N, C-alpha and C. Protein backbone atom coordinates (compact mmCIF):
# COMPACT_ATOMS: atom_id res chain seq x y z
N UNK A 1 131.86 70.19 4.87
CA UNK A 1 132.61 68.97 4.95
C UNK A 1 133.99 69.10 4.31
N UNK A 2 134.16 70.06 3.42
CA UNK A 2 135.43 70.23 2.74
C UNK A 2 136.54 70.64 3.71
N UNK A 3 136.24 71.49 4.70
CA UNK A 3 137.23 71.93 5.67
C UNK A 3 137.66 70.76 6.56
N UNK A 4 136.72 69.95 6.96
CA UNK A 4 137.03 68.78 7.79
C UNK A 4 137.90 67.79 7.02
N UNK A 5 137.61 67.61 5.75
CA UNK A 5 138.43 66.72 4.93
C UNK A 5 139.86 67.24 4.81
N UNK A 6 140.02 68.54 4.67
CA UNK A 6 141.36 69.13 4.59
C UNK A 6 142.13 68.93 5.89
N UNK A 7 141.45 69.09 7.02
CA UNK A 7 142.10 68.90 8.32
C UNK A 7 142.52 67.45 8.49
N UNK A 8 141.66 66.53 8.13
CA UNK A 8 141.98 65.11 8.25
C UNK A 8 143.12 64.74 7.30
N UNK A 9 143.15 65.33 6.13
CA UNK A 9 144.20 65.02 5.16
C UNK A 9 145.56 65.55 5.62
N UNK A 10 145.58 66.62 6.39
CA UNK A 10 146.85 67.20 6.82
C UNK A 10 147.11 66.98 8.31
N UNK A 11 146.63 65.89 8.87
CA UNK A 11 146.79 65.65 10.30
C UNK A 11 148.25 65.42 10.66
N UNK A 12 149.06 64.90 9.75
CA UNK A 12 150.48 64.69 10.05
C UNK A 12 151.20 66.01 10.26
N UNK A 13 150.89 67.00 9.46
CA UNK A 13 151.52 68.31 9.61
C UNK A 13 151.08 68.98 10.91
N UNK A 14 149.81 68.83 11.22
CA UNK A 14 149.29 69.41 12.46
C UNK A 14 149.92 68.73 13.66
N UNK A 15 150.04 67.42 13.64
CA UNK A 15 150.66 66.67 14.73
C UNK A 15 152.14 67.03 14.87
N UNK A 16 152.84 67.17 13.76
CA UNK A 16 154.25 67.56 13.80
C UNK A 16 154.42 68.96 14.37
N UNK A 17 153.53 69.87 14.03
CA UNK A 17 153.60 71.23 14.56
C UNK A 17 153.35 71.25 16.06
N UNK A 18 152.41 70.47 16.52
CA UNK A 18 152.12 70.39 17.96
C UNK A 18 153.30 69.80 18.71
N UNK A 19 153.89 68.74 18.18
CA UNK A 19 155.04 68.13 18.84
C UNK A 19 156.25 69.06 18.85
N UNK A 20 156.46 69.80 17.78
CA UNK A 20 157.55 70.77 17.74
C UNK A 20 157.34 71.87 18.77
N UNK A 21 156.12 72.35 18.90
CA UNK A 21 155.80 73.37 19.89
C UNK A 21 156.05 72.86 21.31
N UNK A 22 155.63 71.62 21.60
CA UNK A 22 155.84 71.05 22.93
C UNK A 22 157.33 70.85 23.23
N UNK A 23 158.10 70.45 22.23
CA UNK A 23 159.53 70.28 22.41
C UNK A 23 160.21 71.61 22.71
N UNK A 24 159.83 72.65 22.00
CA UNK A 24 160.41 73.98 22.23
C UNK A 24 160.06 74.48 23.62
N UNK A 25 158.85 74.25 24.08
CA UNK A 25 158.45 74.65 25.42
C UNK A 25 159.25 73.89 26.48
N UNK A 26 159.47 72.59 26.26
CA UNK A 26 160.25 71.78 27.20
C UNK A 26 161.68 72.29 27.30
N UNK A 27 162.28 72.64 26.18
CA UNK A 27 163.65 73.15 26.17
C UNK A 27 163.70 74.51 26.86
N UNK A 28 162.72 75.36 26.65
CA UNK A 28 162.67 76.67 27.32
C UNK A 28 162.61 76.52 28.83
N UNK A 29 161.78 75.60 29.31
CA UNK A 29 161.65 75.38 30.75
C UNK A 29 162.94 74.79 31.31
N UNK A 30 163.58 73.89 30.57
CA UNK A 30 164.83 73.28 31.02
C UNK A 30 165.95 74.30 31.10
N UNK A 31 166.05 75.18 30.13
CA UNK A 31 167.09 76.21 30.12
C UNK A 31 166.87 77.23 31.23
N UNK A 32 165.63 77.50 31.60
CA UNK A 32 165.35 78.47 32.65
C UNK A 32 165.83 78.00 34.02
N UNK A 33 166.12 76.71 34.16
CA UNK A 33 166.59 76.17 35.44
C UNK A 33 168.08 76.42 35.67
N UNK A 34 168.82 76.90 34.69
CA UNK A 34 170.26 77.09 34.82
C UNK A 34 170.58 78.49 35.33
N UNK A 35 171.54 78.55 36.24
CA UNK A 35 171.99 79.82 36.79
C UNK A 35 173.48 79.72 37.10
N UNK A 36 174.13 80.85 37.28
CA UNK A 36 175.54 80.84 37.64
C UNK A 36 175.74 81.11 39.12
N UNK A 37 174.76 81.67 39.80
CA UNK A 37 174.85 81.94 41.24
C UNK A 37 174.12 80.84 41.99
N UNK A 38 174.54 80.58 43.20
CA UNK A 38 173.89 79.56 44.01
C UNK A 38 172.66 80.15 44.68
N UNK A 39 171.68 80.51 43.84
CA UNK A 39 170.45 81.13 44.29
C UNK A 39 169.32 80.63 43.40
N UNK A 40 168.19 80.30 43.98
CA UNK A 40 167.06 79.77 43.22
C UNK A 40 166.57 80.80 42.20
N UNK A 41 166.45 80.43 40.92
CA UNK A 41 165.98 81.39 39.91
C UNK A 41 164.49 81.70 40.02
N UNK A 42 163.75 80.91 40.79
CA UNK A 42 162.30 81.12 40.92
C UNK A 42 161.96 82.07 42.05
N UNK A 43 162.52 81.80 43.25
CA UNK A 43 162.14 82.60 44.42
C UNK A 43 163.31 83.38 45.00
N UNK A 44 164.50 83.24 44.42
CA UNK A 44 165.72 83.96 44.84
C UNK A 44 166.19 83.59 46.25
N UNK A 45 165.79 82.45 46.77
CA UNK A 45 166.23 82.00 48.08
C UNK A 45 167.61 81.36 47.96
N UNK A 46 168.39 81.45 49.02
CA UNK A 46 169.72 80.85 49.02
C UNK A 46 169.77 79.52 49.76
N UNK A 47 168.70 79.14 50.44
CA UNK A 47 168.64 77.86 51.14
C UNK A 47 168.38 76.76 50.13
N UNK A 48 169.34 75.84 50.01
CA UNK A 48 169.18 74.77 49.03
C UNK A 48 169.89 73.52 49.52
N UNK A 49 169.59 72.44 48.84
CA UNK A 49 170.16 71.14 49.17
C UNK A 49 170.68 70.53 47.88
N UNK A 50 171.87 69.98 47.93
CA UNK A 50 172.48 69.37 46.75
C UNK A 50 171.89 67.99 46.54
N UNK A 51 171.49 67.68 45.30
CA UNK A 51 170.95 66.37 44.96
C UNK A 51 171.72 65.82 43.76
N UNK A 52 171.73 64.50 43.58
CA UNK A 52 172.48 63.93 42.45
C UNK A 52 171.84 64.26 41.11
N UNK A 53 172.71 64.38 40.11
CA UNK A 53 172.24 64.66 38.75
C UNK A 53 171.70 63.40 38.11
N UNK A 54 170.85 63.56 37.14
CA UNK A 54 170.31 62.42 36.40
C UNK A 54 171.30 61.99 35.33
N UNK A 55 171.10 60.80 34.82
CA UNK A 55 171.96 60.28 33.75
C UNK A 55 171.86 61.17 32.51
N UNK A 56 170.66 61.65 32.21
CA UNK A 56 170.44 62.53 31.07
C UNK A 56 171.32 63.78 31.16
N UNK A 57 171.36 64.39 32.33
CA UNK A 57 172.16 65.60 32.52
C UNK A 57 173.65 65.29 32.45
N UNK A 58 174.05 64.16 33.01
CA UNK A 58 175.46 63.78 32.96
C UNK A 58 175.93 63.55 31.53
N UNK A 59 175.11 62.93 30.73
CA UNK A 59 175.48 62.65 29.34
C UNK A 59 175.42 63.91 28.50
N UNK A 60 174.38 64.71 28.68
CA UNK A 60 174.20 65.90 27.87
C UNK A 60 175.24 66.98 28.18
N UNK A 61 175.56 67.14 29.45
CA UNK A 61 176.47 68.22 29.86
C UNK A 61 177.75 67.66 30.46
N UNK A 62 178.36 66.69 29.78
CA UNK A 62 179.56 66.05 30.32
C UNK A 62 180.76 66.98 30.36
N UNK A 63 180.79 68.00 29.54
CA UNK A 63 181.95 68.89 29.45
C UNK A 63 181.84 70.11 30.38
N UNK A 64 180.73 70.27 31.07
CA UNK A 64 180.52 71.40 31.98
C UNK A 64 180.49 70.90 33.43
N UNK A 65 180.85 71.80 34.35
CA UNK A 65 180.71 71.51 35.76
C UNK A 65 179.34 72.00 36.19
N UNK A 66 178.40 71.06 36.31
CA UNK A 66 177.02 71.39 36.63
C UNK A 66 176.64 70.68 37.92
N UNK A 67 176.06 71.44 38.85
CA UNK A 67 175.60 70.88 40.11
C UNK A 67 174.10 71.10 40.22
N UNK A 68 173.40 70.08 40.68
CA UNK A 68 171.95 70.15 40.79
C UNK A 68 171.57 70.43 42.24
N UNK A 69 170.66 71.38 42.43
CA UNK A 69 170.20 71.76 43.75
C UNK A 69 168.68 71.74 43.81
N UNK A 70 168.16 71.58 45.03
CA UNK A 70 166.73 71.68 45.27
C UNK A 70 166.51 72.81 46.28
N UNK A 71 165.68 73.76 45.93
CA UNK A 71 165.38 74.88 46.80
C UNK A 71 164.55 74.39 47.98
N UNK A 72 164.90 74.83 49.18
CA UNK A 72 164.17 74.41 50.36
C UNK A 72 162.97 75.31 50.66
N UNK A 73 162.81 76.36 49.89
CA UNK A 73 161.67 77.25 50.07
C UNK A 73 160.53 76.89 49.12
N UNK A 74 160.83 76.78 47.83
CA UNK A 74 159.77 76.50 46.84
C UNK A 74 159.83 75.07 46.30
N UNK A 75 160.83 74.28 46.71
CA UNK A 75 160.98 72.86 46.36
C UNK A 75 161.18 72.61 44.87
N UNK A 76 161.66 73.59 44.13
CA UNK A 76 161.96 73.41 42.72
C UNK A 76 163.44 73.13 42.54
N UNK A 77 163.78 72.39 41.50
CA UNK A 77 165.18 72.08 41.24
C UNK A 77 165.76 73.10 40.27
N UNK A 78 167.07 73.32 40.42
CA UNK A 78 167.79 74.19 39.51
C UNK A 78 169.23 73.72 39.43
N UNK A 79 169.93 74.19 38.42
CA UNK A 79 171.31 73.78 38.15
C UNK A 79 172.22 74.99 38.27
N UNK A 80 173.37 74.78 38.89
CA UNK A 80 174.38 75.85 39.00
C UNK A 80 175.53 75.44 38.10
N UNK A 81 175.84 76.29 37.14
CA UNK A 81 176.94 76.05 36.20
C UNK A 81 178.13 76.86 36.69
N UNK A 82 179.22 76.16 36.94
CA UNK A 82 180.44 76.87 37.36
C UNK A 82 181.51 76.70 36.29
N UNK A 83 182.27 77.73 36.12
CA UNK A 83 183.31 77.69 35.09
C UNK A 83 184.53 76.94 35.63
N UNK A 84 185.22 76.28 34.74
CA UNK A 84 186.45 75.59 35.12
C UNK A 84 187.58 76.59 35.15
N UNK A 85 188.16 76.75 36.31
CA UNK A 85 189.25 77.73 36.43
C UNK A 85 190.50 77.08 36.98
């Protein structure tokens, strides 16, 4: 019973660690969607369709030229970052 009491007493730390892990995974998946070439990072197909960006992306990346695309082969979304020249 002593181990169970310790786990219950430290549930806030365990919950914080789980939430931190989930946040890091979400950021990793979000960053993997960015590319500089107009090619899907998942299946490498060039057939894509331009779709509007979300408010979150517009606010977060207001200083970058970012275009959102949807792959017509695997139906996943990705972002193309182009440099301002």
